[in-house]
């Protein structure tokens, strides 16, 4: 998780790690809310937080997603084997 040139961890890498950590925490919190029969409202709130974190994660991955969407839009790429 270090920068290949300087060997230091960048702030964007730290931010990405925090988002992943919160996604894992929200997943287990939502699972716990169901397993321990807490209120459905608690489960829904945790789910909305999880969805918001997914949006943040997609925003961080904007360029790779844009490239993949460009490949999906081109039908000729579907028949070609990759690799």
C-alpha atoms as a PDB file:
ATOM      1  CA  UNK A   1       0.000   0.000   0.000  1.00  0.00           C
ATOM      2  CA  UNK A   2       2.953   2.286  -0.479  1.00  0.00           C
ATOM      3  CA  UNK A   3       3.740   4.620  -3.310  1.00  0.00           C
ATOM      4  CA  UNK A   4       6.152   2.846  -5.672  1.00  0.00           C
ATOM      5  CA  UNK A   5       8.218   5.996  -6.242  1.00  0.00           C
ATOM      6  CA  UNK A   6       8.588   7.402  -2.724  1.00  0.00           C
ATOM      7  CA  UNK A   7       7.720   4.388  -0.586  1.00  0.00           C
ATOM      8  CA  UNK A   8       5.211   6.431   1.454  1.00  0.00           C
ATOM      9  CA  UNK A   9       1.513   5.835   1.983  1.00  0.00           C
ATOM     10  CA  UNK A  10      -0.538   8.536   0.291  1.00  0.00           C
ATOM     11  CA  UNK A  11      -3.596  10.194   1.804  1.00  0.00           C
ATOM     12  CA  UNK A  12      -5.854   8.732  -0.895  1.00  0.00           C
ATOM     13  CA  UNK A  13      -4.652   5.235   0.032  1.00  0.00           C
ATOM     14  CA  UNK A  14      -5.423   5.908   3.698  1.00  0.00           C
ATOM     15  CA  UNK A  15      -8.877   7.256   2.784  1.00  0.00           C
ATOM     16  CA  UNK A  16      -9.583   4.181   0.613  1.00  0.00           C
ATOM     17  CA  UNK A  17      -8.519   1.891   3.480  1.00  0.00           C
ATOM     18  CA  UNK A  18     -10.845   3.706   5.890  1.00  0.00           C
ATOM     19  CA  UNK A  19     -13.787   3.333   3.508  1.00  0.00           C
ATOM     20  CA  UNK A  20     -13.117  -0.392   3.217  1.00  0.00           C
ATOM     21  CA  UNK A  21     -12.850  -0.713   6.986  1.00  0.00           C
ATOM     22  CA  UNK A  22     -16.178   1.086   7.508  1.00  0.00           C
ATOM     23  CA  UNK A  23     -17.822  -1.116   4.875  1.00  0.00           C
ATOM     24  CA  UNK A  24     -16.734  -4.206   6.803  1.00  0.00           C
ATOM     25  CA  UNK A  25     -17.931  -2.703  10.107  1.00  0.00           C
ATOM     26  CA  UNK A  26     -21.331  -1.780   8.616  1.00  0.00           C
ATOM     27  CA  UNK A  27     -21.746  -5.245   7.143  1.00  0.00           C
ATOM     28  CA  UNK A  28     -21.193  -6.951  10.471  1.00  0.00           C
ATOM     29  CA  UNK A  29     -23.329  -4.375  12.309  1.00  0.00           C
ATOM     30  CA  UNK A  30     -26.234  -5.015   9.907  1.00  0.00           C
ATOM     31  CA  UNK A  31     -25.746  -8.749  10.240  1.00  0.00           C
ATOM     32  CA  UNK A  32     -25.718  -8.407  14.038  1.00  0.00           C
ATOM     33  CA  UNK A  33     -28.891  -6.336  13.943  1.00  0.00           C
ATOM     34  CA  UNK A  34     -30.653  -9.165  12.133  1.00  0.00           C
ATOM     35  CA  UNK A  35     -29.184 -12.023  14.148  1.00  0.00           C
ATOM     36  CA  UNK A  36     -29.868 -10.404  17.525  1.00  0.00           C
ATOM     37  CA  UNK A  37     -33.369  -9.368  16.428  1.00  0.00           C
ATOM     38  CA  UNK A  38     -32.843  -5.639  16.884  1.00  0.00           C
ATOM     39  CA  UNK A  39     -35.293  -3.254  15.297  1.00  0.00           C
ATOM     40  CA  UNK A  40     -35.701  -3.211  11.538  1.00  0.00           C
ATOM     41  CA  UNK A  41     -35.112   0.542  11.689  1.00  0.00           C
ATOM     42  CA  UNK A  42     -31.601  -0.065  13.019  1.00  0.00           C
ATOM     43  CA  UNK A  43     -30.938  -2.514  10.194  1.00  0.00           C
ATOM     44  CA  UNK A  44     -32.279  -0.009   7.637  1.00  0.00           C
ATOM     45  CA  UNK A  45     -30.138   2.842   8.995  1.00  0.00           C
ATOM     46  CA  UNK A  46     -27.022   0.693   8.874  1.00  0.00           C
ATOM     47  CA  UNK A  47     -27.954  -0.347   5.334  1.00  0.00           C
ATOM     48  CA  UNK A  48     -28.273   3.283   4.253  1.00  0.00           C
ATOM     49  CA  UNK A  49     -24.869   4.063   5.728  1.00  0.00           C
ATOM     50  CA  UNK A  50     -23.482   1.053   3.859  1.00  0.00           C
ATOM     51  CA  UNK A  51     -25.037   2.313   0.601  1.00  0.00           C
ATOM     52  CA  UNK A  52     -23.490   5.744   1.150  1.00  0.00           C
ATOM     53  CA  UNK A  53     -20.092   4.167   1.661  1.00  0.00           C
ATOM     54  CA  UNK A  54     -20.540   2.216  -1.574  1.00  0.00           C
ATOM     55  CA  UNK A  55     -21.158   5.515  -3.376  1.00  0.00           C
ATOM     56  CA  UNK A  56     -17.949   6.919  -1.885  1.00  0.00           C
ATOM     57  CA  UNK A  57     -16.078   3.799  -2.977  1.00  0.00           C
ATOM     58  CA  UNK A  58     -17.442   4.085  -6.524  1.00  0.00           C
ATOM     59  CA  UNK A  59     -16.405   7.730  -6.609  1.00  0.00           C
ATOM     60  CA  UNK A  60     -12.872   6.695  -5.636  1.00  0.00           C
ATOM     61  CA  UNK A  61     -12.880   4.119  -8.433  1.00  0.00           C
ATOM     62  CA  UNK A  62     -14.296   6.549 -11.006  1.00  0.00           C
ATOM     63  CA  UNK A  63     -11.625   6.099 -13.703  1.00  0.00           C
ATOM     64  CA  UNK A  64     -11.531   2.260 -13.767  1.00  0.00           C
ATOM     65  CA  UNK A  65     -15.337   2.140 -13.849  1.00  0.00           C
ATOM     66  CA  UNK A  66     -15.413   4.663 -16.688  1.00  0.00           C
ATOM     67  CA  UNK A  67     -12.999   2.469 -18.674  1.00  0.00           C
ATOM     68  CA  UNK A  68     -15.066  -0.656 -18.044  1.00  0.00           C
ATOM     69  CA  UNK A  69     -18.261   1.102 -19.090  1.00  0.00           C
ATOM     70  CA  UNK A  70     -16.534   2.168 -22.303  1.00  0.00           C
ATOM     71  CA  UNK A  71     -15.695  -1.465 -23.032  1.00  0.00           C
ATOM     72  CA  UNK A  72     -19.265  -2.591 -22.318  1.00  0.00           C
ATOM     73  CA  UNK A  73     -20.634  -0.019 -24.759  1.00  0.00           C
ATOM     74  CA  UNK A  74     -18.510  -1.404 -27.601  1.00  0.00           C
ATOM     75  CA  UNK A  75     -20.184  -4.584 -28.868  1.00  0.00           C
ATOM     76  CA  UNK A  76     -17.098  -5.638 -30.860  1.00  0.00           C
ATOM     77  CA  UNK A  77     -15.184  -6.087 -27.579  1.00  0.00           C
ATOM     78  CA  UNK A  78     -17.653  -8.714 -26.395  1.00  0.00           C
ATOM     79  CA  UNK A  79     -16.649 -11.304 -29.008  1.00  0.00           C
ATOM     80  CA  UNK A  80     -12.901 -10.713 -28.631  1.00  0.00           C
ATOM     81  CA  UNK A  81     -11.058 -12.820 -26.083  1.00  0.00           C
ATOM     82  CA  UNK A  82      -9.024 -10.934 -23.520  1.00  0.00           C
ATOM     83  CA  UNK A  83      -5.681 -12.451 -22.693  1.00  0.00           C
END
